[in-house]
Protein backbone atom coordinates (compact mmCIF):
# COMPACT_ATOMS: atom_id res chain seq x y z
CA UNK A 1 -16.84 -41.96 -8.83
CA UNK A 2 -17.22 -41.48 -12.51
CA UNK A 3 -14.18 -42.29 -14.85
CA UNK A 4 -13.02 -40.09 -17.70
CA UNK A 5 -13.69 -42.79 -20.15
CA UNK A 6 -17.27 -42.89 -18.28
CA UNK A 7 -17.40 -39.19 -18.49
CA UNK A 8 -15.99 -38.66 -22.56
CA UNK A 9 -18.79 -41.02 -23.45
CA UNK A 10 -21.13 -39.81 -22.00
CA UNK A 11 -20.28 -36.30 -23.36
CA UNK A 12 -19.79 -38.14 -27.00
CA UNK A 13 -23.74 -39.06 -26.64
CA UNK A 14 -24.67 -35.25 -25.21
CA UNK A 15 -23.06 -34.13 -28.53
CA UNK A 16 -24.64 -36.71 -30.67
CA UNK A 17 -28.36 -35.55 -29.12
CA UNK A 18 -27.39 -32.28 -29.28
CA UNK A 19 -26.17 -32.13 -33.11
CA UNK A 20 -29.04 -34.83 -34.56
CA UNK A 21 -31.73 -32.87 -32.47
CA UNK A 22 -31.26 -29.00 -33.42
CA UNK A 23 -30.11 -29.76 -36.97
CA UNK A 24 -33.03 -32.33 -38.00
CA UNK A 25 -35.47 -30.78 -40.28
CA UNK A 26 -33.07 -28.38 -41.07
CA UNK A 27 -33.82 -26.94 -44.90
CA UNK A 28 -31.19 -28.62 -47.39
CA UNK A 29 -30.01 -28.73 -51.11
CA UNK A 30 -27.20 -29.81 -53.10
CA UNK A 31 -26.07 -26.16 -53.17
CA UNK A 32 -26.15 -25.85 -49.42
CA UNK A 33 -24.67 -29.19 -48.13
CA UNK A 34 -20.83 -27.53 -47.55
CA UNK A 35 -21.83 -25.06 -45.87
CA UNK A 36 -24.56 -26.96 -43.84
CA UNK A 37 -21.76 -29.64 -43.03
CA UNK A 38 -19.50 -26.56 -41.65
CA UNK A 39 -22.26 -25.10 -39.42
CA UNK A 40 -22.84 -28.51 -37.87
CA UNK A 41 -19.41 -29.18 -37.38
CA UNK A 42 -18.60 -26.01 -35.83
CA UNK A 43 -21.51 -25.88 -33.64
CA UNK A 44 -21.18 -28.88 -31.98
CA UNK A 45 -17.03 -28.56 -31.59
CA UNK A 46 -18.47 -25.32 -29.22
CA UNK A 47 -19.41 -27.68 -26.58
CA UNK A 48 -16.85 -28.92 -23.55
CA UNK A 49 -14.46 -31.77 -24.69
CA UNK A 50 -14.96 -32.37 -28.30
CA UNK A 51 -12.17 -31.96 -30.44
CA UNK A 52 -13.34 -32.71 -33.54
CA UNK A 53 -16.48 -32.91 -35.63
CA UNK A 54 -16.58 -34.32 -39.07
CA UNK A 55 -19.79 -34.24 -40.82
CA UNK A 56 -20.46 -35.63 -44.64
CA UNK A 57 -23.76 -34.81 -46.22
CA UNK A 58 -24.17 -36.87 -49.26
CA UNK A 59 -25.78 -34.45 -51.63
CA UNK A 60 -26.86 -37.06 -54.31
CA UNK A 61 -29.05 -38.62 -51.55
CA UNK A 62 -30.39 -34.93 -50.74
CA UNK A 63 -31.50 -34.92 -54.33
CA UNK A 64 -33.03 -37.70 -54.30
CA UNK A 65 -34.95 -36.37 -51.13
CA UNK A 66 -36.09 -33.32 -53.36
CA UNK A 67 -39.73 -34.16 -54.02
CA UNK A 68 -41.23 -30.58 -54.59
CA UNK A 69 -40.42 -28.06 -57.06
CA UNK A 70 -38.91 -25.56 -53.80
CA UNK A 71 -35.75 -27.55 -54.54
CA UNK A 72 -35.06 -28.59 -50.72
CA UNK A 73 -35.62 -31.19 -48.25
CA UNK A 74 -35.11 -31.99 -44.44
CA UNK A 75 -31.85 -33.13 -43.13
CA UNK A 76 -32.37 -36.03 -41.89
CA UNK A 77 -29.79 -38.98 -40.30
CA UNK A 78 -30.08 -40.94 -43.86
CA UNK A 79 -28.22 -37.99 -45.15
CA UNK A 80 -25.49 -37.79 -43.48
CA UNK A 81 -22.56 -39.23 -41.66
CA UNK A 82 -20.52 -37.88 -38.61
CA UNK A 83 -17.82 -38.53 -37.05
CA UNK A 84 -16.72 -36.91 -33.47
CA UNK A 85 -13.73 -36.99 -31.04
CA UNK A 86 -14.46 -36.18 -27.58
CA UNK A 87 -11.15 -36.00 -25.28
CA UNK A 88 -11.92 -36.09 -21.29
CA UNK A 89 -8.80 -36.44 -18.84
CA UNK A 90 -6.88 -38.99 -20.42
CA UNK A 91 -9.39 -40.84 -22.19
CA UNK A 92 -10.11 -39.80 -25.78
CA UNK A 93 -13.54 -41.33 -27.72
CA UNK A 94 -14.14 -41.95 -31.37
CA UNK A 95 -18.07 -42.01 -32.22
CA UNK A 96 -19.60 -42.41 -35.72
CA UNK A 97 -23.15 -41.94 -37.09
CA UNK A 98 -23.87 -43.81 -40.21
CA UNK A 99 -26.74 -46.17 -41.44
CA UNK A 100 -27.41 -49.31 -40.46
CA UNK A 101 -30.42 -51.00 -41.25
CA UNK A 102 -32.13 -48.05 -42.06
CA UNK A 103 -31.65 -46.50 -39.36
CA UNK A 104 -28.85 -43.72 -38.64
CA UNK A 105 -27.29 -45.13 -35.62
CA UNK A 106 -24.93 -43.17 -33.40
CA UNK A 107 -22.19 -45.50 -31.13
CA UNK A 108 -18.73 -46.06 -29.79
CA UNK A 109 -15.99 -47.49 -32.31
CA UNK A 110 -13.18 -46.54 -29.92
CA UNK A 111 -12.08 -45.72 -26.59
CA UNK A 112 -8.56 -44.80 -25.88
CA UNK A 113 -7.37 -44.09 -22.32
CA UNK A 114 -3.50 -43.20 -21.59
CA UNK A 115 -4.06 -45.29 -17.96
CA UNK A 116 -4.02 -41.34 -16.27
CA UNK A 117 -8.02 -41.14 -15.70
CA UNK A 118 -9.22 -44.06 -15.42
């Protein structure tokens, strides 16, 4: 039998996979970062058990990545940080994606159980 904590962690992984692979490559410019943050967060929050998503795209990093006259670059992990809160049964999972050693690492930050489903 799968515990609430295990299912919540699985759900967090599903959400990160969806978020990263759905939005990586999206054209982004310093003028579009806020609307893209909102679109990403609202899209992922539609999924089951997802209580909150916070996306922060680094405007300066986006501007630094623009290498041509068209004024945009492609969204990738090094341009953003993401935090999610997933709730399943009696468990809340806090997750984060941030750069670590040059790689956008997705990780569990905290697993909170109320004792009811584990």
